[in-house]
Amino acid sequence: MNLLVFVKRVPDTESKIRIAPDGQGIVEEGLNFIISPYDEYAVEEALRLREAKGGKVTVVCVGKEEALLILRKCLAMGADEALLIKDSAPESFEGLRVAAAIASLVKQRFPNFDLLLFGKQSFGADNAQVPAMVAELLGIPQVNVVVKLIIEGRNGVAYREIEGALEKVVFSLPAVISAQKGLNEPRYETLKGIMAAKKKEIPIIPIDELGISEDFLTPKMEIIKLEMPPTKKAGRIIQLPPEEAAKEIVRFLREEAKII
């Protein structure tokens, strides 16, 4: 199988985020960056499919050259190859630019792919847009929020989370899959894998060499200002007998919170 996995470099979820003075982005100095956690499930699933059915796993990232570090982590996990689409533009929170870059790369360099795997959403923009956009641009089936995947021949069965149940989706290859927590348990890199990953060459393709329409590259959204969420107000404690407390709660909900 020809398997492609798409990953993103994001700030560590335990990092303290600071907004830049201009309000247009975050301060990256001192931040630890990691592979977006949902993407790890996509990488692991690709490795398991290759081990079961043969083939090749290629991991791709769209971003700055700093993303080479997370691509080497994927190689250390067991991916065969990695590739960076170099995009020096700051984070715009627009999925279409990234999706267009991925679709163009796939058409030009991987026309015989079987499966494109993504995390269900990135921990950066958190939009969950790119997998569906890529599927639309390529005109292929897609199943998102997948927690179980079965591939037999040129057909697949995916189980995806819906509220209170699992939905079974039958599809044909090629297709796009986005991984949810529970699909598998991602493996750790091995020492042998880490050493081998250091020696592998990772091709870098500038985004403007992919022949993407300017309409896709031109931002459709402008960041006016980023700001931290407001500080949560302290709760109110009502220390009254039950009947009086109930009346006070109703009064508060009606007159102050104005939700009833």
C-alpha atoms as a PDB file:
ATOM      1  CA  MET A   1       0.000   0.000   0.000  1.00  0.00           C
ATOM      2  CA  ASN A   2       1.107   3.539  -0.746  1.00  0.00           C
ATOM      3  CA  LEU A   3       0.296   5.379   2.479  1.00  0.00           C
ATOM      4  CA  LEU A   4       0.724   9.107   3.084  1.00  0.00           C
ATOM      5  CA  VAL A   5       0.417  10.671   6.532  1.00  0.00           C
ATOM      6  CA  PHE A   6       0.145  14.416   7.097  1.00  0.00           C
ATOM      7  CA  VAL A   7       1.382  15.894  10.355  1.00  0.00           C
ATOM      8  CA  LYS A   8       1.684  19.345  11.910  1.00  0.00           C
ATOM      9  CA  ARG A   9       4.187  20.985  14.263  1.00  0.00           C
ATOM     10  CA  VAL A  10       2.363  22.532  17.219  1.00  0.00           C
ATOM     11  CA  PRO A  11       3.321  23.960  20.637  1.00  0.00           C
ATOM     12  CA  ASP A  12       3.533  21.376  23.412  1.00  0.00           C
ATOM     13  CA  THR A  13       0.134  21.144  25.070  1.00  0.00           C
ATOM     14  CA  GLU A  14       1.807  21.737  28.466  1.00  0.00           C
ATOM     15  CA  SER A  15       3.532  24.932  27.317  1.00  0.00           C
ATOM     16  CA  LYS A  16       2.476  28.326  28.592  1.00  0.00           C
ATOM     17  CA  ILE A  17       1.329  30.305  25.567  1.00  0.00           C
ATOM     18  CA  ARG A  18       2.159  34.023  25.326  1.00  0.00           C
ATOM     19  CA  ILE A  19       0.661  36.332  22.721  1.00  0.00           C
ATOM     20  CA  ALA A  20       3.124  38.432  20.733  1.00  0.00           C
ATOM     21  CA  PRO A  21       3.151  42.201  21.397  1.00  0.00           C
ATOM     22  CA  ASP A  22       1.594  42.931  17.991  1.00  0.00           C
ATOM     23  CA  GLY A  23      -1.333  40.619  18.790  1.00  0.00           C
ATOM     24  CA  GLN A  24      -0.907  38.763  15.501  1.00  0.00           C
ATOM     25  CA  GLY A  25       0.607  35.509  16.783  1.00  0.00           C
ATOM     26  CA  ILE A  26       2.297  33.804  19.694  1.00  0.00           C
ATOM     27  CA  VAL A  27       5.797  34.132  21.123  1.00  0.00           C
ATOM     28  CA  GLU A  28       7.691  31.042  19.965  1.00  0.00           C
ATOM     29  CA  GLU A  29      10.870  31.751  21.904  1.00  0.00           C
ATOM     30  CA  GLY A  30      11.204  29.230  24.722  1.00  0.00           C
ATOM     31  CA  LEU A  31       8.299  27.080  23.488  1.00  0.00           C
ATOM     32  CA  ASN A  32       8.686  23.344  23.039  1.00  0.00           C
ATOM     33  CA  PHE A  33       7.113  22.080  19.809  1.00  0.00           C
ATOM     34  CA  ILE A  34       5.765  18.590  19.180  1.00  0.00           C
ATOM     35  CA  ILE A  35       3.861  16.616  16.558  1.00  0.00           C
ATOM     36  CA  SER A  36       0.142  17.311  16.946  1.00  0.00           C
ATOM     37  CA  PRO A  37      -1.070  14.443  19.195  1.00  0.00           C
ATOM     38  CA  TYR A  38      -3.916  13.269  16.941  1.00  0.00           C
ATOM     39  CA  ASP A  39      -1.413  12.992  14.084  1.00  0.00           C
ATOM     40  CA  GLU A  40       0.488  10.354  16.051  1.00  0.00           C
ATOM     41  CA  TYR A  41      -2.529   8.045  15.771  1.00  0.00           C
ATOM     42  CA  ALA A  42      -2.489   8.560  11.998  1.00  0.00           C
ATOM     43  CA  VAL A  43       1.223   7.704  11.809  1.00  0.00           C
ATOM     44  CA  GLU A  44       0.757   4.586  13.933  1.00  0.00           C
ATOM     45  CA  GLU A  45      -2.189   3.380  11.848  1.00  0.00           C
ATOM     46  CA  ALA A  46      -0.166   3.771   8.651  1.00  0.00           C
ATOM     47  CA  LEU A  47       2.707   1.782  10.154  1.00  0.00           C
ATOM     48  CA  ARG A  48       0.327  -1.001  11.193  1.00  0.00           C
ATOM     49  CA  LEU A  49      -1.243  -1.152   7.735  1.00  0.00           C
ATOM     50  CA  ARG A  50       2.205  -1.375   6.128  1.00  0.00           C
ATOM     51  CA  GLU A  51       3.215  -4.154   8.525  1.00  0.00           C
ATOM     52  CA  ALA A  52       0.045  -6.100   7.715  1.00  0.00           C
ATOM     53  CA  LYS A  53      -0.170  -5.506   3.974  1.00  0.00           C
ATOM     54  CA  GLY A  54       3.227  -4.240   2.845  1.00  0.00           C
ATOM     55  CA  GLY A  55       3.959  -1.009   1.048  1.00  0.00           C
ATOM     56  CA  LYS A  56       5.468   2.325   2.029  1.00  0.00           C
ATOM     57  CA  VAL A  57       4.684   5.072   4.554  1.00  0.00           C
ATOM     58  CA  THR A  58       5.566   8.663   3.634  1.00  0.00           C
ATOM     59  CA  VAL A  59       5.056  11.428   6.188  1.00  0.00           C
ATOM     60  CA  VAL A  60       4.477  14.999   4.978  1.00  0.00           C
ATOM     61  CA  CYS A  61       4.366  18.318   6.813  1.00  0.00           C
ATOM     62  CA  VAL A  62       3.466  21.803   5.588  1.00  0.00           C
ATOM     63  CA  GLY A  63       5.371  24.488   7.457  1.00  0.00           C
ATOM     64  CA  LYS A  64       8.715  26.077   8.227  1.00  0.00           C
ATOM     65  CA  GLU A  65      12.033  24.235   8.281  1.00  0.00           C
ATOM     66  CA  GLU A  66      11.738  23.826  12.053  1.00  0.00           C
ATOM     67  CA  ALA A  67       9.158  21.127  11.264  1.00  0.00           C
ATOM     68  CA  LEU A  68      11.987  18.839  10.126  1.00  0.00           C
ATOM     69  CA  LEU A  69      12.361  17.790  13.773  1.00  0.00           C
ATOM     70  CA  ILE A  70       8.892  16.279  13.960  1.00  0.00           C
ATOM     71  CA  LEU A  71       9.394  14.606  10.593  1.00  0.00           C
ATOM     72  CA  ARG A  72      12.500  12.909  12.006  1.00  0.00           C
ATOM     73  CA  LYS A  73      10.413  11.725  14.940  1.00  0.00           C
ATOM     74  CA  CYS A  74       8.041  10.067  12.449  1.00  0.00           C
ATOM     75  CA  LEU A  75      11.000   8.443  10.688  1.00  0.00           C
ATOM     76  CA  ALA A  76      12.243   7.201  14.054  1.00  0.00           C
ATOM     77  CA  MET A  77       8.809   5.663  14.694  1.00  0.00           C
ATOM     78  CA  GLY A  78       9.242   3.650  11.483  1.00  0.00           C
ATOM     79  CA  ALA A  79       8.083   5.754   8.522  1.00  0.00           C
ATOM     80  CA  ASP A  80       9.958   5.020   5.292  1.00  0.00           C
ATOM     81  CA  GLU A  81      10.243   8.553   3.958  1.00  0.00           C
ATOM     82  CA  ALA A  82       9.440  12.132   4.935  1.00  0.00           C
ATOM     83  CA  LEU A  83       8.904  15.319   2.968  1.00  0.00           C
ATOM     84  CA  LEU A  84       8.488  18.987   3.910  1.00  0.00           C
ATOM     85  CA  ILE A  85       6.377  21.460   1.962  1.00  0.00           C
ATOM     86  CA  LYS A  86       8.145  24.637   3.011  1.00  0.00           C
ATOM     87  CA  ASP A  87       5.729  27.463   3.754  1.00  0.00           C
ATOM     88  CA  SER A  88       7.281  30.441   5.510  1.00  0.00           C
ATOM     89  CA  ALA A  89       3.964  32.265   5.906  1.00  0.00           C
ATOM     90  CA  PRO A  90       2.852  32.756   9.521  1.00  0.00           C
ATOM     91  CA  GLU A  91       0.012  30.659  10.929  1.00  0.00           C
ATOM     92  CA  SER A  92      -3.166  31.991   9.338  1.00  0.00           C
ATOM     93  CA  PHE A  93      -5.688  29.506  10.784  1.00  0.00           C
ATOM     94  CA  GLU A  94      -6.943  28.919   7.236  1.00  0.00           C
ATOM     95  CA  GLY A  95      -7.182  25.304   6.213  1.00  0.00           C
ATOM     96  CA  LEU A  96      -7.622  25.909   2.487  1.00  0.00           C
ATOM     97  CA  ARG A  97      -4.019  27.033   1.859  1.00  0.00           C
ATOM     98  CA  VAL A  98      -2.642  23.894   3.499  1.00  0.00           C
ATOM     99  CA  ALA A  99      -5.221  21.644   1.838  1.00  0.00           C
ATOM    100  CA  ALA A 100      -4.395  23.067  -1.604  1.00  0.00           C
ATOM    101  CA  ALA A 101      -0.670  22.455  -1.021  1.00  0.00           C
ATOM    102  CA  ILE A 102      -1.313  18.861   0.015  1.00  0.00           C
ATOM    103  CA  ALA A 103      -3.687  18.153  -2.884  1.00  0.00           C
ATOM    104  CA  SER A 104      -1.197  19.594  -5.397  1.00  0.00           C
ATOM    105  CA  LEU A 105       1.656  17.536  -3.946  1.00  0.00           C
ATOM    106  CA  VAL A 106      -0.396  14.332  -4.055  1.00  0.00           C
ATOM    107  CA  LYS A 107      -1.453  14.905  -7.673  1.00  0.00           C
ATOM    108  CA  GLN A 108       2.086  15.645  -8.828  1.00  0.00           C
ATOM    109  CA  ARG A 109       4.219  13.229  -6.811  1.00  0.00           C
ATOM    110  CA  PHE A 110       1.942  10.479  -5.456  1.00  0.00           C
ATOM    111  CA  PRO A 111      -0.714   9.817  -8.130  1.00  0.00           C
ATOM    112  CA  ASN A 112      -0.962   6.130  -7.170  1.00  0.00           C
ATOM    113  CA  PHE A 113      -1.637   6.610  -3.463  1.00  0.00           C
ATOM    114  CA  ASP A 114      -4.028   4.336  -1.591  1.00  0.00           C
ATOM    115  CA  LEU A 115      -4.737   6.174   1.641  1.00  0.00           C
ATOM    116  CA  LEU A 116      -4.170   9.670   3.042  1.00  0.00           C
ATOM    117  CA  LEU A 117      -4.172   9.744   6.842  1.00  0.00           C
ATOM    118  CA  PHE A 118      -4.529  12.797   9.096  1.00  0.00           C
ATOM    119  CA  GLY A 119      -5.210  13.509  12.742  1.00  0.00           C
ATOM    120  CA  LYS A 120      -8.831  14.568  13.193  1.00  0.00           C
ATOM    121  CA  GLN A 121      -7.679  18.120  14.008  1.00  0.00           C
ATOM    122  CA  SER A 122      -4.493  19.938  14.927  1.00  0.00           C
ATOM    123  CA  PHE A 123      -3.790  21.199  18.413  1.00  0.00           C
ATOM    124  CA  GLY A 124      -2.748  24.508  16.832  1.00  0.00           C
ATOM    125  CA  ALA A 125      -5.541  25.937  14.686  1.00  0.00           C
ATOM    126  CA  ASP A 126      -7.983  23.306  16.030  1.00  0.00           C
ATOM    127  CA  ASN A 127     -10.244  23.739  12.994  1.00  0.00           C
ATOM    128  CA  ALA A 128     -10.574  20.117  11.765  1.00  0.00           C
ATOM    129  CA  GLN A 129     -10.859  21.451   8.201  1.00  0.00           C
ATOM    130  CA  VAL A 130      -7.890  20.154   6.213  1.00  0.00           C
ATOM    131  CA  PRO A 131      -8.776  16.431   5.786  1.00  0.00           C
ATOM    132  CA  ALA A 132     -12.225  17.181   4.372  1.00  0.00           C
ATOM    133  CA  MET A 133     -10.864  19.940   2.131  1.00  0.00           C
ATOM    134  CA  VAL A 134      -8.177  17.647   0.721  1.00  0.00           C
ATOM    135  CA  ALA A 135     -10.764  14.962  -0.005  1.00  0.00           C
ATOM    136  CA  GLU A 136     -12.938  17.505  -1.807  1.00  0.00           C
ATOM    137  CA  LEU A 137     -10.036  18.883  -3.870  1.00  0.00           C
ATOM    138  CA  LEU A 138      -9.011  15.357  -4.903  1.00  0.00           C
ATOM    139  CA  GLY A 139     -12.585  14.126  -5.394  1.00  0.00           C
ATOM    140  CA  ILE A 140     -12.207  11.045  -3.163  1.00  0.00           C
ATOM    141  CA  PRO A 141     -14.142   9.578  -0.196  1.00  0.00           C
ATOM    142  CA  GLN A 142     -13.309  10.644   3.336  1.00  0.00           C
ATOM    143  CA  VAL A 143     -14.203   9.402   6.809  1.00  0.00           C
ATOM    144  CA  ASN A 144     -13.358  11.476   9.864  1.00  0.00           C
ATOM    145  CA  VAL A 145     -13.056  10.842  13.616  1.00  0.00           C
ATOM    146  CA  VAL A 146     -12.173   7.200  12.958  1.00  0.00           C
ATOM    147  CA  VAL A 147     -11.610   4.869  15.925  1.00  0.00           C
ATOM    148  CA  LYS A 148     -11.364   1.568  13.999  1.00  0.00           C
ATOM    149  CA  LEU A 149     -10.171   0.941  10.457  1.00  0.00           C
ATOM    150  CA  ILE A 150     -10.279  -2.231   8.332  1.00  0.00           C
ATOM    151  CA  ILE A 151      -8.811  -2.394   4.829  1.00  0.00           C
ATOM    152  CA  GLU A 152      -9.485  -5.366   2.561  1.00  0.00           C
ATOM    153  CA  GLY A 153      -8.317  -5.133  -1.024  1.00  0.00           C
ATOM    154  CA  ARG A 154      -9.596  -1.891  -2.534  1.00  0.00           C
ATOM    155  CA  ASN A 155     -12.338  -1.445   0.045  1.00  0.00           C
ATOM    156  CA  GLY A 156     -12.364  -0.222   3.610  1.00  0.00           C
ATOM    157  CA  VAL A 157     -14.624  -0.132   6.639  1.00  0.00           C
ATOM    158  CA  ALA A 158     -14.262   2.670   9.178  1.00  0.00           C
ATOM    159  CA  TYR A 159     -16.001   3.103  12.500  1.00  0.00           C
ATOM    160  CA  ARG A 160     -16.357   6.710  13.562  1.00  0.00           C
ATOM    161  CA  GLU A 161     -17.547   8.340  16.736  1.00  0.00           C
ATOM    162  CA  ILE A 162     -20.963   9.957  16.800  1.00  0.00           C
ATOM    163  CA  GLU A 163     -22.855  11.057  19.876  1.00  0.00           C
ATOM    164  CA  GLY A 164     -23.636   7.999  21.969  1.00  0.00           C
ATOM    165  CA  ALA A 165     -22.676   5.414  19.327  1.00  0.00           C
ATOM    166  CA  LEU A 166     -20.319   4.295  16.561  1.00  0.00           C
ATOM    167  CA  GLU A 167     -21.167   4.796  12.911  1.00  0.00           C
ATOM    168  CA  LYS A 168     -19.973   2.221  10.368  1.00  0.00           C
ATOM    169  CA  VAL A 169     -18.868   3.653   7.009  1.00  0.00           C
ATOM    170  CA  VAL A 170     -17.956   1.512   3.980  1.00  0.00           C
ATOM    171  CA  PHE A 171     -15.766   3.183   1.361  1.00  0.00           C
ATOM    172  CA  SER A 172     -13.467   2.433  -1.555  1.00  0.00           C
ATOM    173  CA  LEU A 173      -9.800   3.340  -2.007  1.00  0.00           C
ATOM    174  CA  PRO A 174      -8.220   5.790  -2.510  1.00  0.00           C
ATOM    175  CA  ALA A 175      -9.617   7.723   0.430  1.00  0.00           C
ATOM    176  CA  VAL A 176      -8.912  10.189   3.231  1.00  0.00           C
ATOM    177  CA  ILE A 177      -9.063   9.089   6.875  1.00  0.00           C
ATOM    178  CA  SER A 178      -8.763  11.305   9.949  1.00  0.00           C
ATOM    179  CA  ALA A 179      -7.784   9.581  13.186  1.00  0.00           C
ATOM    180  CA  GLN A 180      -9.378   9.941  16.594  1.00  0.00           C
ATOM    181  CA  LYS A 181      -7.941   8.946  19.967  1.00  0.00           C
ATOM    182  CA  GLY A 182      -8.686   5.250  20.479  1.00  0.00           C
ATOM    183  CA  LEU A 183      -7.799   4.165  16.952  1.00  0.00           C
ATOM    184  CA  ASN A 184      -4.563   2.683  18.324  1.00  0.00           C
ATOM    185  CA  GLU A 185      -1.751   3.267  20.801  1.00  0.00           C
ATOM    186  CA  PRO A 186       1.156   5.117  19.114  1.00  0.00           C
ATOM    187  CA  ARG A 187       4.547   3.452  19.521  1.00  0.00           C
ATOM    188  CA  TYR A 188       7.668   5.098  20.889  1.00  0.00           C
ATOM    189  CA  GLU A 189      10.732   5.708  18.768  1.00  0.00           C
ATOM    190  CA  THR A 190      13.470   3.109  19.154  1.00  0.00           C
ATOM    191  CA  LEU A 191      17.147   3.970  19.572  1.00  0.00           C
ATOM    192  CA  LYS A 192      17.836   2.209  16.277  1.00  0.00           C
ATOM    193  CA  GLY A 193      15.076   4.226  14.631  1.00  0.00           C
ATOM    194  CA  ILE A 194      16.380   7.511  16.040  1.00  0.00           C
ATOM    195  CA  MET A 195      19.888   6.831  14.751  1.00  0.00           C
ATOM    196  CA  ALA A 196      18.586   5.829  11.316  1.00  0.00           C
ATOM    197  CA  ALA A 197      16.329   8.906  11.146  1.00  0.00           C
ATOM    198  CA  LYS A 198      19.300  11.225  11.677  1.00  0.00           C
ATOM    199  CA  LYS A 199      20.916   9.917   8.506  1.00  0.00           C
ATOM    200  CA  LYS A 200      17.874  10.123   6.237  1.00  0.00           C
ATOM    201  CA  GLU A 201      17.541  12.997   3.813  1.00  0.00           C
ATOM    202  CA  ILE A 202      14.239  14.863   3.936  1.00  0.00           C
ATOM    203  CA  PRO A 203      13.384  16.615   0.645  1.00  0.00           C
ATOM    204  CA  ILE A 204      12.113  20.191   0.960  1.00  0.00           C
ATOM    205  CA  ILE A 205       9.679  21.543  -1.631  1.00  0.00           C
ATOM    206  CA  PRO A 206       8.839  25.284  -1.532  1.00  0.00           C
ATOM    207  CA  ILE A 207       5.088  25.796  -1.606  1.00  0.00           C
ATOM    208  CA  ASP A 208       5.358  28.158  -4.589  1.00  0.00           C
ATOM    209  CA  GLU A 209       6.820  25.341  -6.715  1.00  0.00           C
ATOM    210  CA  LEU A 210       3.639  23.271  -6.507  1.00  0.00           C
ATOM    211  CA  GLY A 211       1.750  25.327  -9.083  1.00  0.00           C
ATOM    212  CA  ILE A 212      -1.035  26.241  -6.678  1.00  0.00           C
ATOM    213  CA  SER A 213      -3.597  28.770  -7.863  1.00  0.00           C
ATOM    214  CA  GLU A 214      -3.044  32.210  -6.357  1.00  0.00           C
ATOM    215  CA  ASP A 215      -6.685  32.136  -5.299  1.00  0.00           C
ATOM    216  CA  PHE A 216      -5.861  29.332  -2.846  1.00  0.00           C
ATOM    217  CA  LEU A 217      -2.706  31.030  -1.566  1.00  0.00           C
ATOM    218  CA  THR A 218      -4.263  34.448  -0.985  1.00  0.00           C
ATOM    219  CA  PRO A 219      -5.594  34.704   2.587  1.00  0.00           C
ATOM    220  CA  LYS A 220      -9.361  34.921   2.859  1.00  0.00           C
ATOM    221  CA  MET A 221      -9.221  35.766   6.541  1.00  0.00           C
ATOM    222  CA  GLU A 222      -7.405  38.518   8.406  1.00  0.00           C
ATOM    223  CA  ILE A 223      -6.219  38.168  11.991  1.00  0.00           C
ATOM    224  CA  ILE A 224      -7.275  41.353  13.745  1.00  0.00           C
ATOM    225  CA  LYS A 225      -6.058  40.500  17.207  1.00  0.00           C
ATOM    226  CA  LEU A 226      -5.274  37.531  19.413  1.00  0.00           C
ATOM    227  CA  GLU A 227      -6.002  37.839  23.110  1.00  0.00           C
ATOM    228  CA  MET A 228      -6.117  35.515  26.093  1.00  0.00           C
ATOM    229  CA  PRO A 229      -9.499  34.349  27.425  1.00  0.00           C
ATOM    230  CA  PRO A 230     -10.878  36.599  30.184  1.00  0.00           C
ATOM    231  CA  THR A 231     -10.047  35.589  33.723  1.00  0.00           C
ATOM    232  CA  LYS A 232     -12.773  33.421  35.150  1.00  0.00           C
ATOM    233  CA  LYS A 233     -14.723  35.167  37.873  1.00  0.00           C
ATOM    234  CA  ALA A 234     -14.891  33.600  41.287  1.00  0.00           C
ATOM    235  CA  GLY A 235     -18.010  31.590  42.006  1.00  0.00           C
ATOM    236  CA  ARG A 236     -20.697  32.748  44.415  1.00  0.00           C
ATOM    237  CA  ILE A 237     -21.423  30.696  47.507  1.00  0.00           C
ATOM    238  CA  ILE A 238     -24.965  30.873  48.871  1.00  0.00           C
ATOM    239  CA  GLN A 239     -25.149  30.025  52.541  1.00  0.00           C
ATOM    240  CA  LEU A 240     -28.880  30.046  53.195  1.00  0.00           C
ATOM    241  CA  PRO A 241     -31.507  27.485  54.180  1.00  0.00           C
ATOM    242  CA  PRO A 242     -32.602  25.311  51.185  1.00  0.00           C
ATOM    243  CA  GLU A 243     -35.852  27.170  50.404  1.00  0.00           C
ATOM    244  CA  GLU A 244     -34.241  30.599  50.561  1.00  0.00           C
ATOM    245  CA  ALA A 245     -31.188  29.358  48.600  1.00  0.00           C
ATOM    246  CA  ALA A 246     -33.458  28.106  45.799  1.00  0.00           C
ATOM    247  CA  LYS A 247     -35.189  31.495  45.587  1.00  0.00           C
ATOM    248  CA  GLU A 248     -31.826  33.274  45.488  1.00  0.00           C
ATOM    249  CA  ILE A 249     -30.545  31.017  42.698  1.00  0.00           C
ATOM    250  CA  VAL A 250     -33.672  31.663  40.604  1.00  0.00           C
ATOM    251  CA  ARG A 251     -33.358  35.408  41.228  1.00  0.00           C
ATOM    252  CA  PHE A 252     -29.705  35.328  40.165  1.00  0.00           C
ATOM    253  CA  LEU A 253     -30.422  33.356  36.984  1.00  0.00           C
ATOM    254  CA  ARG A 254     -33.250  35.717  36.026  1.00  0.00           C
ATOM    255  CA  GLU A 255     -31.984  39.162  37.062  1.00  0.00           C
ATOM    256  CA  GLU A 256     -28.186  38.903  36.839  1.00  0.00           C
ATOM    257  CA  ALA A 257     -27.259  36.040  34.533  1.00  0.00           C
ATOM    258  CA  LYS A 258     -30.429  36.693  32.472  1.00  0.00           C
ATOM    259  CA  ILE A 259     -30.658  33.129  31.207  1.00  0.00           C
ATOM    260  CA  ILE A 260     -34.249  32.448  32.303  1.00  0.00           C
END
